[in-house]
Structures are given as C-alpha cells and as structure tokens.
N, C-alpha and C. Protein backbone atom coordinates (compact mmCIF):
# COMPACT_ATOMS: atom_id res chain seq x y z
N MET A 1 8.01 -10.55 -15.18
CA MET A 1 9.01 -10.32 -14.33
C MET A 1 9.22 -8.58 -14.80
N ARG A 2 8.95 -8.28 -15.89
CA ARG A 2 9.43 -7.18 -16.30
C ARG A 2 8.66 -6.17 -15.87
N ASN A 3 7.29 -6.46 -15.78
CA ASN A 3 6.32 -5.28 -15.02
C ASN A 3 6.49 -5.25 -13.56
N SER A 4 7.27 -6.27 -13.04
CA SER A 4 7.12 -6.21 -11.38
C SER A 4 7.92 -4.91 -11.07
N ILE A 5 7.73 -4.77 -9.63
CA ILE A 5 8.52 -3.74 -8.70
C ILE A 5 9.77 -4.47 -8.52
N ALA A 6 9.78 -5.82 -8.44
CA ALA A 6 11.23 -6.40 -8.42
C ALA A 6 11.91 -5.93 -9.60
N ALA A 7 11.69 -6.05 -10.60
CA ALA A 7 12.39 -5.76 -11.89
C ALA A 7 12.88 -4.11 -11.83
N GLY A 8 11.45 -3.36 -11.50
CA GLY A 8 11.92 -1.93 -11.20
C GLY A 8 12.90 -1.39 -10.27
N PHE A 9 13.30 -2.14 -9.48
CA PHE A 9 14.25 -2.05 -8.44
C PHE A 9 15.56 -2.51 -9.22
N ALA A 10 15.66 -3.48 -9.98
CA ALA A 10 16.73 -4.04 -10.37
C ALA A 10 18.05 -3.10 -10.72
N PRO A 11 17.91 -2.05 -11.60
CA PRO A 11 18.92 -1.34 -12.02
C PRO A 11 19.43 -0.63 -10.59
N TRP A 12 18.67 -0.20 -9.70
CA TRP A 12 19.18 0.52 -8.49
C TRP A 12 19.86 -0.40 -7.49
N ILE A 13 19.41 -1.72 -7.75
CA ILE A 13 20.20 -2.66 -6.94
C ILE A 13 21.63 -2.96 -7.44
N VAL A 14 21.67 -3.19 -8.62
CA VAL A 14 22.94 -3.47 -9.40
C VAL A 14 23.64 -2.34 -9.03
N PHE A 15 23.31 -0.93 -9.20
CA PHE A 15 24.04 0.27 -9.00
C PHE A 15 24.62 0.41 -7.27
N TRP A 16 23.62 -0.15 -6.48
CA TRP A 16 23.95 0.02 -4.91
C TRP A 16 25.15 -1.04 -4.81
N VAL A 17 24.97 -2.29 -5.41
CA VAL A 17 26.00 -3.52 -5.22
C VAL A 17 27.36 -3.16 -5.79
N VAL A 18 27.54 -2.64 -6.81
CA VAL A 18 28.51 -2.63 -7.58
C VAL A 18 29.18 -1.62 -7.50
N SER A 19 28.73 -0.20 -7.23
CA SER A 19 29.29 1.06 -7.56
C SER A 19 30.05 1.47 -6.22
N SER A 20 31.11 2.11 -6.15
CA SER A 20 32.21 2.44 -5.42
C SER A 20 32.94 3.46 -6.04
N PRO A 21 33.94 4.60 -5.31
CA PRO A 21 34.40 5.49 -5.68
C PRO A 21 35.47 4.96 -7.05
N SER A 22 35.65 3.72 -7.31
CA SER A 22 36.68 3.25 -8.58
C SER A 22 35.76 2.74 -9.54
N THR A 23 34.34 2.42 -9.16
CA THR A 23 33.61 1.31 -10.14
C THR A 23 32.42 2.17 -10.46
N TRP A 24 31.87 3.19 -10.08
CA TRP A 24 30.77 3.89 -10.22
C TRP A 24 30.35 4.15 -11.61
N GLN A 25 31.07 4.52 -12.62
CA GLN A 25 31.26 4.52 -13.80
C GLN A 25 30.69 3.45 -14.16
N TRP A 26 31.14 2.08 -14.36
CA TRP A 26 30.78 0.75 -14.66
C TRP A 26 29.55 0.49 -14.34
N ALA A 27 29.05 0.64 -12.83
CA ALA A 27 27.81 0.50 -12.18
C ALA A 27 26.68 1.14 -12.86
N SER A 28 26.84 2.62 -13.33
CA SER A 28 26.25 3.32 -13.75
C SER A 28 25.61 3.05 -15.49
N LEU A 29 26.73 2.51 -16.12
CA LEU A 29 26.39 1.88 -17.44
C LEU A 29 25.86 0.91 -17.35
N VAL A 30 25.81 -0.12 -16.67
CA VAL A 30 25.14 -1.59 -16.22
C VAL A 30 23.75 -1.09 -16.04
N ALA A 31 23.61 -0.36 -15.13
CA ALA A 31 22.50 -0.10 -14.62
C ALA A 31 21.46 0.76 -15.76
N LEU A 32 22.18 1.58 -16.60
CA LEU A 32 21.21 2.14 -17.51
C LEU A 32 21.14 1.08 -18.56
N VAL A 33 22.00 0.37 -19.13
CA VAL A 33 21.48 -0.91 -19.80
C VAL A 33 20.36 -1.78 -19.33
N ILE A 34 20.19 -2.11 -18.11
CA ILE A 34 19.09 -2.67 -17.38
C ILE A 34 17.71 -1.65 -17.52
N SER A 35 18.17 -0.37 -17.22
CA SER A 35 16.73 0.29 -17.45
C SER A 35 16.35 0.70 -18.64
N ILE A 36 17.17 0.62 -19.83
CA ILE A 36 16.57 0.66 -21.17
C ILE A 36 15.86 -0.63 -21.47
N GLY A 37 16.33 -1.77 -20.90
CA GLY A 37 15.75 -3.07 -21.22
C GLY A 37 14.36 -3.18 -20.64
N LEU A 38 14.07 -2.42 -19.48
CA LEU A 38 12.76 -2.45 -18.75
C LEU A 38 12.06 -1.21 -19.44
N VAL A 39 12.54 -0.27 -20.00
CA VAL A 39 11.57 0.73 -20.54
C VAL A 39 11.23 0.64 -22.04
N VAL A 40 12.04 0.01 -22.91
CA VAL A 40 12.00 -0.23 -24.55
C VAL A 40 10.74 -0.98 -24.49
N PRO A 41 10.77 -2.30 -24.05
CA PRO A 41 9.84 -3.14 -24.50
C PRO A 41 8.41 -2.65 -24.11
N SER A 42 8.16 -1.98 -22.73
CA SER A 42 7.09 -1.07 -22.54
C SER A 42 6.42 -0.13 -23.30
N LEU A 43 7.31 0.72 -23.93
CA LEU A 43 7.01 1.57 -25.05
C LEU A 43 6.47 1.05 -26.17
N ARG A 44 7.16 -0.18 -26.55
CA ARG A 44 6.71 -0.81 -27.89
C ARG A 44 5.35 -1.35 -27.68
N LYS A 45 5.08 -1.70 -26.48
CA LYS A 45 3.73 -2.49 -26.19
C LYS A 45 2.77 -1.32 -25.68
N HIS A 46 3.07 0.02 -25.74
CA HIS A 46 1.99 1.13 -25.58
C HIS A 46 1.54 0.89 -24.06
N GLU A 47 2.48 0.46 -23.13
CA GLU A 47 2.03 0.01 -22.01
C GLU A 47 2.44 1.23 -20.87
N GLY A 48 3.00 2.00 -21.42
CA GLY A 48 3.60 3.19 -20.51
C GLY A 48 4.45 2.67 -19.67
N VAL A 49 5.27 3.55 -18.76
CA VAL A 49 6.39 3.17 -17.98
C VAL A 49 6.40 3.70 -16.84
N SER A 50 6.98 3.22 -15.84
CA SER A 50 6.69 3.74 -14.37
C SER A 50 7.66 4.77 -13.92
N ALA A 51 7.23 5.38 -13.07
CA ALA A 51 8.19 6.76 -12.39
C ALA A 51 9.56 6.19 -11.90
N LEU A 52 9.44 4.75 -11.59
CA LEU A 52 10.63 4.09 -11.12
C LEU A 52 11.58 3.95 -12.35
N ASP A 53 10.98 3.66 -13.31
CA ASP A 53 11.93 3.25 -14.70
C ASP A 53 12.38 4.77 -15.34
N VAL A 54 11.53 5.46 -15.29
CA VAL A 54 11.86 6.65 -15.79
C VAL A 54 13.03 7.60 -14.96
N ALA A 55 12.92 7.43 -13.54
CA ALA A 55 13.92 8.08 -12.75
C ALA A 55 15.22 7.25 -13.14
N GLY A 56 15.15 5.85 -13.20
CA GLY A 56 16.37 5.28 -13.33
C GLY A 56 16.93 5.54 -14.67
N LEU A 57 16.30 5.56 -15.75
CA LEU A 57 16.67 5.69 -17.09
C LEU A 57 17.42 7.06 -17.28
N VAL A 58 16.73 8.20 -16.46
CA VAL A 58 17.67 9.64 -16.70
C VAL A 58 18.71 9.51 -15.84
N PHE A 59 18.65 9.14 -14.39
CA PHE A 59 19.62 9.25 -13.64
C PHE A 59 20.94 8.41 -14.05
N PHE A 60 20.75 7.30 -14.55
CA PHE A 60 21.94 6.53 -15.11
C PHE A 60 22.57 6.80 -16.19
N ALA A 61 21.65 7.47 -17.03
CA ALA A 61 22.14 8.18 -18.27
C ALA A 61 23.09 9.24 -18.07
N VAL A 62 22.60 10.26 -16.95
CA VAL A 62 23.41 11.52 -16.73
C VAL A 62 24.52 11.19 -16.02
N LEU A 63 24.66 10.16 -15.11
CA LEU A 63 25.89 9.39 -14.83
C LEU A 63 26.95 8.93 -15.67
N SER A 64 26.07 8.35 -16.60
CA SER A 64 27.18 7.62 -17.85
C SER A 64 27.75 8.58 -18.62
N VAL A 65 26.90 9.80 -18.78
CA VAL A 65 27.42 10.76 -19.71
C VAL A 65 28.41 11.67 -18.85
N LEU A 66 28.16 11.79 -17.65
CA LEU A 66 29.46 12.51 -16.83
C LEU A 66 30.51 11.86 -16.82
N ALA A 67 30.60 10.63 -16.71
CA ALA A 67 31.60 9.74 -16.83
C ALA A 67 32.51 9.55 -17.66
N LEU A 68 31.95 10.01 -19.12
CA LEU A 68 32.47 9.94 -20.29
C LEU A 68 33.23 11.48 -20.67
N VAL A 69 32.45 12.47 -20.35
CA VAL A 69 32.93 13.72 -20.62
C VAL A 69 33.59 14.82 -19.54
N VAL A 70 33.36 14.40 -18.36
CA VAL A 70 33.84 15.42 -17.29
C VAL A 70 35.12 14.48 -16.58
N GLU A 71 36.13 15.34 -16.46
CA GLU A 71 37.52 14.89 -15.66
C GLU A 71 36.99 14.11 -14.29
N ARG A 72 37.78 13.18 -14.05
CA ARG A 72 37.52 12.35 -12.90
C ARG A 72 37.86 13.28 -11.67
N SER A 73 38.76 13.99 -11.67
CA SER A 73 39.07 15.02 -10.76
C SER A 73 37.85 15.91 -10.09
N ALA A 74 36.84 16.32 -11.05
CA ALA A 74 35.58 16.87 -11.10
C ALA A 74 34.58 16.46 -10.51
N LEU A 75 34.65 14.86 -10.36
CA LEU A 75 33.64 14.17 -9.86
C LEU A 75 33.89 13.61 -8.61
N GLU A 76 34.51 14.02 -7.81
CA GLU A 76 35.04 13.11 -6.66
C GLU A 76 33.98 13.28 -5.79
N THR A 77 33.18 14.31 -5.58
CA THR A 77 31.96 14.35 -4.71
C THR A 77 31.05 13.24 -4.91
N LEU A 78 30.70 13.23 -6.58
CA LEU A 78 30.06 12.37 -7.05
C LEU A 78 30.16 10.84 -6.84
N GLU A 79 31.51 10.73 -6.98
CA GLU A 79 32.21 9.33 -6.83
C GLU A 79 32.02 8.82 -5.34
N ASN A 80 31.96 9.64 -4.21
CA ASN A 80 32.15 9.20 -2.76
C ASN A 80 30.71 9.18 -2.53
N TYR A 81 29.59 10.06 -3.30
CA TYR A 81 28.20 10.13 -2.62
C TYR A 81 27.29 9.60 -3.59
N ALA A 82 27.73 8.88 -4.64
CA ALA A 82 26.57 8.29 -5.56
C ALA A 82 25.63 7.22 -5.13
N GLN A 83 26.01 6.15 -4.21
CA GLN A 83 24.99 5.74 -3.46
C GLN A 83 23.79 6.18 -3.05
N ALA A 84 24.33 7.04 -2.05
CA ALA A 84 23.34 8.02 -1.31
C ALA A 84 22.52 8.68 -2.10
N ILE A 85 23.11 9.28 -2.88
CA ILE A 85 22.19 9.93 -4.01
C ILE A 85 21.40 9.36 -4.81
N SER A 86 21.66 7.98 -5.14
CA SER A 86 20.82 7.09 -5.88
C SER A 86 19.60 6.89 -4.83
N MET A 87 19.83 6.58 -3.58
CA MET A 87 18.82 6.27 -2.85
C MET A 87 17.99 7.57 -2.40
N GLY A 88 18.71 8.66 -2.43
CA GLY A 88 17.82 9.92 -2.20
C GLY A 88 16.96 10.20 -3.41
N LEU A 89 17.39 9.97 -4.54
CA LEU A 89 16.28 10.16 -5.71
C LEU A 89 15.39 9.01 -5.56
N LEU A 90 15.70 7.91 -5.20
CA LEU A 90 14.60 6.98 -5.09
C LEU A 90 13.13 7.27 -3.80
N ALA A 91 13.68 8.00 -2.86
CA ALA A 91 12.77 8.56 -2.03
C ALA A 91 12.14 9.77 -2.21
N VAL A 92 12.85 10.75 -3.41
CA VAL A 92 11.82 11.79 -3.99
C VAL A 92 10.87 11.12 -4.93
N VAL A 93 11.36 10.00 -5.62
CA VAL A 93 10.26 9.53 -6.36
C VAL A 93 9.08 8.79 -5.48
N ALA A 94 9.56 7.90 -4.64
CA ALA A 94 8.22 7.36 -3.71
C ALA A 94 7.54 8.57 -3.04
N ILE A 95 8.13 9.52 -2.49
CA ILE A 95 7.32 10.27 -1.44
C ILE A 95 6.64 11.57 -2.55
N GLY A 96 7.61 11.78 -3.39
CA GLY A 96 7.22 12.84 -4.27
C GLY A 96 5.79 12.53 -4.95
N GLY A 97 5.71 11.23 -5.47
CA GLY A 97 4.77 10.33 -6.17
C GLY A 97 3.40 10.53 -5.25
N VAL A 98 3.46 10.45 -4.05
CA VAL A 98 2.25 10.36 -3.16
C VAL A 98 1.87 11.92 -2.91
N LEU A 99 2.74 12.82 -3.00
CA LEU A 99 2.21 14.27 -2.79
C LEU A 99 1.46 14.58 -4.19
N ILE A 100 1.94 14.00 -5.06
CA ILE A 100 1.10 14.78 -6.62
C ILE A 100 -0.02 13.74 -6.71
N GLY A 101 -0.17 12.81 -5.75
CA GLY A 101 -1.48 11.76 -6.00
C GLY A 101 -1.19 10.61 -7.30
N ARG A 102 0.09 10.27 -7.54
CA ARG A 102 0.69 9.27 -8.16
C ARG A 102 1.57 8.34 -7.54
N PRO A 103 1.15 7.57 -6.52
CA PRO A 103 2.51 6.76 -5.89
C PRO A 103 2.79 5.82 -6.96
N PHE A 104 3.99 5.67 -6.68
CA PHE A 104 4.77 4.69 -8.03
C PHE A 104 4.34 3.22 -8.02
N THR A 105 3.81 2.86 -6.72
CA THR A 105 3.56 1.44 -6.79
C THR A 105 2.20 1.07 -7.46
N ALA A 106 1.34 1.92 -7.55
CA ALA A 106 0.12 2.02 -8.47
C ALA A 106 0.31 1.40 -9.87
N TYR A 107 1.47 1.90 -10.51
CA TYR A 107 1.81 1.30 -11.94
C TYR A 107 1.78 -0.32 -11.86
N TYR A 108 2.50 -0.87 -10.67
CA TYR A 108 2.55 -2.20 -10.83
C TYR A 108 1.22 -2.86 -10.20
N ALA A 109 0.76 -2.19 -9.48
CA ALA A 109 -0.83 -2.64 -8.88
C ALA A 109 -1.78 -2.85 -10.02
N ARG A 110 -1.51 -1.89 -10.93
CA ARG A 110 -2.61 -1.70 -12.17
C ARG A 110 -2.82 -3.25 -12.96
N ARG A 111 -1.34 -3.66 -12.81
CA ARG A 111 -1.18 -4.70 -13.49
C ARG A 111 -1.57 -6.34 -13.11
N GLU A 112 -2.30 -6.09 -11.82
CA GLU A 112 -2.73 -7.40 -11.26
C GLU A 112 -4.13 -7.33 -10.85
N VAL A 113 -4.69 -6.14 -10.94
CA VAL A 113 -6.16 -6.05 -10.39
C VAL A 113 -7.01 -5.29 -11.46
N PRO A 114 -8.53 -5.72 -11.28
CA PRO A 114 -9.16 -5.24 -12.42
C PRO A 114 -9.18 -3.62 -12.67
N ARG A 115 -9.50 -3.22 -13.92
CA ARG A 115 -9.58 -1.82 -14.16
C ARG A 115 -10.58 -1.08 -13.26
N GLU A 116 -11.51 -1.79 -12.92
CA GLU A 116 -12.68 -1.14 -12.15
C GLU A 116 -12.16 -0.76 -10.73
N LEU A 117 -11.11 -1.53 -10.34
CA LEU A 117 -10.93 -1.07 -8.89
C LEU A 117 -9.64 -0.19 -9.08
N TRP A 118 -9.02 0.38 -10.10
CA TRP A 118 -8.03 1.32 -10.27
C TRP A 118 -8.26 2.60 -9.40
N GLY A 119 -9.94 2.99 -9.65
CA GLY A 119 -10.11 4.44 -9.02
C GLY A 119 -10.68 4.18 -7.24
N THR A 120 -10.93 2.95 -6.86
CA THR A 120 -11.48 2.86 -5.55
C THR A 120 -10.56 3.73 -4.38
N ARG A 121 -11.12 4.10 -3.46
CA ARG A 121 -10.64 4.91 -2.29
C ARG A 121 -9.35 3.77 -1.68
N GLU A 122 -9.94 2.68 -1.73
CA GLU A 122 -8.96 1.48 -0.92
C GLU A 122 -7.69 1.32 -1.73
N PHE A 123 -7.73 1.33 -3.19
CA PHE A 123 -6.77 1.10 -4.14
C PHE A 123 -5.94 2.21 -3.89
N ARG A 124 -6.11 3.50 -3.82
CA ARG A 124 -5.41 4.77 -3.68
C ARG A 124 -4.93 4.90 -2.34
N ARG A 125 -5.69 4.32 -1.29
CA ARG A 125 -4.79 4.48 0.06
C ARG A 125 -3.94 3.66 0.34
N ILE A 126 -4.14 2.29 -0.12
CA ILE A 126 -3.02 1.16 0.03
C ILE A 126 -1.67 1.51 -0.58
N ASN A 127 -1.88 2.12 -1.78
CA ASN A 127 -0.83 2.59 -2.45
C ASN A 127 -0.03 3.94 -1.99
N ARG A 128 -0.87 4.61 -1.58
CA ARG A 128 -0.15 6.08 -0.79
C ARG A 128 0.71 5.35 0.18
N VAL A 129 0.14 4.44 0.97
CA VAL A 129 0.83 3.78 2.39
C VAL A 129 2.02 2.81 2.13
N ILE A 130 1.92 2.27 1.32
CA ILE A 130 3.13 1.54 0.65
C ILE A 130 4.14 2.33 -0.11
N SER A 131 3.69 3.38 -0.89
CA SER A 131 4.75 4.12 -1.44
C SER A 131 5.44 5.03 -0.26
N LEU A 132 4.62 5.50 0.64
CA LEU A 132 5.25 6.25 1.64
C LEU A 132 6.33 5.29 2.55
N VAL A 133 6.27 4.26 2.67
CA VAL A 133 6.89 3.27 3.53
C VAL A 133 8.26 2.70 2.70
N TRP A 134 8.10 2.92 1.38
CA TRP A 134 9.45 2.77 0.64
C TRP A 134 9.81 3.95 0.52
N GLY A 135 9.35 5.07 0.33
CA GLY A 135 9.94 6.26 0.75
C GLY A 135 10.80 6.45 1.86
N ALA A 136 10.21 6.33 3.06
CA ALA A 136 10.91 6.32 4.29
C ALA A 136 12.23 5.57 4.53
N ALA A 137 11.88 4.24 3.91
CA ALA A 137 12.99 3.37 3.61
C ALA A 137 14.27 3.90 2.96
N PHE A 138 13.98 4.54 1.82
CA PHE A 138 14.96 5.16 0.76
C PHE A 138 15.76 6.21 1.67
N VAL A 139 14.89 6.93 2.40
CA VAL A 139 15.34 8.12 3.09
C VAL A 139 16.23 7.69 4.00
N VAL A 140 16.13 6.61 5.06
CA VAL A 140 16.90 5.97 5.89
C VAL A 140 18.49 5.38 5.09
N VAL A 141 18.27 4.53 4.18
CA VAL A 141 19.35 4.23 3.34
C VAL A 141 20.29 5.31 3.22
N ALA A 142 19.61 6.30 2.54
CA ALA A 142 20.26 7.36 1.95
C ALA A 142 21.10 8.23 2.87
N VAL A 143 20.60 8.50 4.12
CA VAL A 143 21.07 9.13 5.35
C VAL A 143 22.29 8.39 5.81
N ALA A 144 21.87 7.03 6.07
CA ALA A 144 22.92 5.94 6.33
C ALA A 144 24.23 6.09 5.48
N GLY A 145 23.90 6.15 4.06
CA GLY A 145 25.09 6.14 3.18
C GLY A 145 25.87 7.42 3.19
N PHE A 146 25.16 8.58 3.50
CA PHE A 146 25.71 9.67 3.56
C PHE A 146 26.80 9.75 4.84
N VAL A 147 26.17 9.46 6.09
CA VAL A 147 26.73 9.51 7.07
C VAL A 147 28.24 8.70 7.15
N ALA A 148 27.95 7.50 6.64
CA ALA A 148 29.15 6.45 6.36
C ALA A 148 30.31 7.03 5.75
N VAL A 149 30.04 7.93 4.48
CA VAL A 149 31.01 8.51 3.75
C VAL A 149 31.63 9.74 4.48
N ARG A 150 30.71 10.68 4.94
CA ARG A 150 30.91 12.03 5.30
C ARG A 150 32.04 11.69 6.92
N TRP A 151 31.40 10.88 7.59
CA TRP A 151 32.46 10.70 8.80
C TRP A 151 32.92 9.42 9.03
N SER A 152 32.98 8.60 7.96
CA SER A 152 33.93 7.21 8.08
C SER A 152 33.48 6.67 9.29
N VAL A 153 32.20 6.53 9.69
CA VAL A 153 31.96 5.77 10.84
C VAL A 153 31.17 4.59 10.57
N ALA A 154 31.45 3.38 11.22
CA ALA A 154 30.54 2.21 11.14
C ALA A 154 30.38 1.90 9.63
N VAL A 155 31.33 2.14 8.84
CA VAL A 155 31.08 2.02 7.29
C VAL A 155 30.26 0.75 6.81
N ASP A 156 30.78 -0.38 7.33
CA ASP A 156 30.05 -1.56 6.87
C ASP A 156 28.71 -1.91 7.16
N VAL A 157 28.40 -1.40 8.27
CA VAL A 157 27.08 -1.32 8.96
C VAL A 157 26.09 -0.45 8.46
N LEU A 158 26.74 0.93 8.03
CA LEU A 158 25.89 1.94 7.53
C LEU A 158 25.73 1.68 5.97
N GLU A 159 26.55 1.12 5.22
CA GLU A 159 26.37 1.01 3.85
C GLU A 159 25.93 -0.67 3.52
N TRP A 160 25.75 -1.52 4.38
CA TRP A 160 25.66 -2.88 3.91
C TRP A 160 24.05 -3.23 4.92
N VAL A 161 24.48 -3.35 6.30
CA VAL A 161 23.67 -3.73 7.00
C VAL A 161 22.44 -3.18 7.06
N VAL A 162 22.52 -1.80 7.38
CA VAL A 162 21.42 -1.08 7.57
C VAL A 162 20.43 -0.92 6.21
N PRO A 163 21.14 -1.03 4.95
CA PRO A 163 20.25 -0.82 3.74
C PRO A 163 19.47 -2.06 3.76
N ALA A 164 20.12 -3.40 3.97
CA ALA A 164 19.56 -5.02 3.92
C ALA A 164 18.36 -4.89 4.81
N VAL A 165 18.43 -4.55 6.19
CA VAL A 165 17.52 -4.52 7.17
C VAL A 165 16.34 -3.77 6.78
N VAL A 166 16.71 -2.54 6.54
CA VAL A 166 15.22 -1.72 5.91
C VAL A 166 14.60 -2.01 4.88
N ILE A 167 15.40 -2.46 3.75
CA ILE A 167 14.43 -2.73 2.68
C ILE A 167 13.81 -3.96 2.93
N VAL A 168 14.54 -5.21 3.57
CA VAL A 168 13.53 -6.21 3.74
C VAL A 168 12.49 -5.85 4.85
N ALA A 169 12.63 -5.08 5.82
CA ALA A 169 11.65 -4.50 6.50
C ALA A 169 10.38 -3.77 5.65
N ALA A 170 10.77 -3.15 4.80
CA ALA A 170 9.60 -2.31 4.14
C ALA A 170 8.86 -3.51 3.27
N ALA A 171 9.60 -4.48 2.84
CA ALA A 171 8.90 -5.44 1.91
C ALA A 171 8.34 -6.51 2.88
N LYS A 172 8.74 -6.58 4.14
CA LYS A 172 7.72 -7.49 5.05
C LYS A 172 6.41 -6.64 5.35
N PHE A 173 6.78 -5.62 5.32
CA PHE A 173 5.66 -4.32 5.72
C PHE A 173 4.51 -4.36 4.76
N THR A 174 5.12 -4.48 3.58
CA THR A 174 4.01 -4.48 2.58
C THR A 174 3.25 -5.63 2.35
N GLN A 175 4.17 -6.89 2.58
CA GLN A 175 3.45 -8.53 2.48
C GLN A 175 2.34 -8.38 3.78
N ALA A 176 2.51 -7.71 4.89
CA ALA A 176 1.74 -7.81 6.33
C ALA A 176 0.64 -6.94 5.76
N TYR A 177 0.62 -5.83 5.25
CA TYR A 177 -0.38 -4.68 5.34
C TYR A 177 -1.32 -5.05 4.16
N THR A 178 -0.85 -5.63 3.25
CA THR A 178 -1.78 -6.17 1.92
C THR A 178 -2.50 -7.63 2.36
N GLY A 179 -1.60 -8.42 3.10
CA GLY A 179 -2.35 -9.48 3.29
C GLY A 179 -1.90 -10.64 2.29
N HIS A 180 -0.84 -10.32 1.36
CA HIS A 180 -0.79 -11.14 0.13
C HIS A 180 1.02 -11.24 0.31
N ASP A 181 1.45 -12.69 -0.34
CA ASP A 181 2.82 -12.72 -0.53
C ASP A 181 3.71 -12.35 -1.50
N ASP A 182 2.91 -11.85 -2.60
CA ASP A 182 3.48 -11.60 -4.04
C ASP A 182 2.76 -10.74 -4.67
N GLY A 183 3.30 -9.91 -5.59
CA GLY A 183 2.56 -8.92 -6.64
C GLY A 183 2.39 -7.73 -5.97
N PRO A 184 2.14 -6.74 -6.68
CA PRO A 184 1.93 -5.32 -6.17
C PRO A 184 0.87 -4.97 -5.27
N PRO A 185 0.87 -4.06 -4.53
CA PRO A 185 -0.42 -3.60 -3.64
C PRO A 185 -1.52 -3.23 -4.31
N ALA A 186 -2.66 -3.63 -3.94
CA ALA A 186 -4.09 -3.36 -4.65
C ALA A 186 -5.04 -3.08 -3.52
N THR A 187 -5.78 -4.01 -3.14
CA THR A 187 -6.86 -3.74 -1.98
C THR A 187 -6.78 -5.02 -1.04
N HIS A 188 -7.44 -4.87 0.11
CA HIS A 188 -7.19 -5.93 0.93
C HIS A 188 -8.13 -7.18 0.59
N ASP A 189 -9.00 -6.82 0.02
CA ASP A 189 -10.38 -7.65 -0.29
C ASP A 189 -10.38 -8.23 -1.81
N THR A 190 -9.14 -8.01 -2.42
CA THR A 190 -8.93 -8.83 -3.65
C THR A 190 -8.05 -9.84 -3.90
N ALA A 191 -8.15 -10.44 -4.98
CA ALA A 191 -7.08 -11.51 -5.15
C ALA A 191 -5.73 -10.96 -5.46
N ALA A 192 -5.59 -9.76 -5.84
CA ALA A 192 -4.30 -9.24 -6.27
C ALA A 192 -3.40 -9.48 -5.30
N GLY A 193 -1.85 -9.26 -5.83
CA GLY A 193 -0.94 -9.40 -4.80
C GLY A 193 -0.42 -8.25 -4.14
N THR A 194 0.60 -8.41 -3.73
CA THR A 194 1.51 -7.10 -2.82
C THR A 194 2.66 -6.84 -3.91
N THR A 195 3.12 -5.45 -3.47
CA THR A 195 4.38 -5.39 -4.03
C THR A 195 5.39 -5.96 -2.95
N SER A 196 6.01 -7.21 -3.34
CA SER A 196 7.19 -7.90 -2.64
C SER A 196 8.22 -7.20 -2.70
N GLY A 197 8.74 -6.96 -4.16
CA GLY A 197 9.68 -5.72 -4.42
C GLY A 197 10.90 -5.84 -3.37
N ARG A 198 11.65 -7.08 -3.28
CA ARG A 198 12.64 -7.05 -2.51
C ARG A 198 13.81 -6.29 -3.13
N ALA A 199 14.30 -5.53 -2.42
CA ALA A 199 15.62 -4.76 -3.25
C ALA A 199 16.84 -5.10 -2.36
N SER A 200 17.21 -6.34 -1.72
CA SER A 200 18.06 -7.02 -1.14
C SER A 200 18.53 -8.36 -1.57
C-alpha cells in the first residue's frame, strides 16, 4: 500500500478533508506526519521517492513551520485558500512532471511492470496521458476552491461536490484508459495494473 498512488494521495486527502480556516494548522501537521511515514521507509530501502511524496513533505512542512512561527493574523490569506493552494500544487506536480518528461504516475507504474518495459513508448505515453488527466482534475478542484472562497458562492458544491466528482472521474478514466481495475498505469498489453488512486 505504501508504494501505491492511493497512499501517495493520503496526506493530501487528509489535508483537504480536515483543513479549514480554524483547523489548517492541525491538518498540515497530520499530513506532514503521514508524508514522513511514506518517505522514510522508501529512503531506508533505497527505493527512491515519488514527486508526490516530496511535494507533500515540503508543502506540509512549510505550512507547519508557518503555523508555529508566524502570527495567525498574518496568515489570513493562507488560512482561507490553503485547500485551493494544495490542489494547485498537485496540479503543478502532475503537469510539470509531464513537461519535464517525468510523469508522476511512472513512479508507481514501475513497481508493477517489468523493468524492460519502463523505457517503451507505450509506457511513457500512457503515463503522460494519465498524469495530464490528474493534473487537469487538480486544476478544476483548485479553481473551484478558489471561487468558493473568493466570492462565497455555492460553497458546499464547489468545495465538496465538485472535488469528489472530478477526482472519481479521473480515477474512472484511468481504469478505462488502461483497461485494468487496480494498480498504476503501465501498458495496455501487460498484466500491470492501473493508477486507481482514489482521492475521495
């Protein structure tokens, strides 16, 4: 489970669910503990860490430090937009990884498929597509969260319904695109799984 994309999303999910203007400090601390729990075992086993885990570790560490050393009155904007910012960062990780040729889903796919497939065109293409779909999903969720806070319209729909629908849709697309029901994306023609990665 530790090397699955679902585990990689865990700290972000916890932060999204728990975080609010009055609880984001605790949410970031809990998410940081989860991120450490994902990264440390992988480093000890020399397995490397995913971009998702690194982003989570850095982001939640920064938030936790800010909560400790900065007066709350100076963090009003961060308090209000913490959820949208977290989803925006996930979008950067997903889309940015594709732009530099390192889609974040490939880390998880490599744990399910033979090494000789890692460099194939099909493996790279599928991971690019899946990562872009997740990136687009994170953009939609981030924008929805921003709009809900900025203009206080349809808050429940934008902060809860839209994220749930979009994330589930991304997971369903991943399953349909790869033709498998579980595991990370690899190739259409192997026994590898897909990135089910439910984040809701």
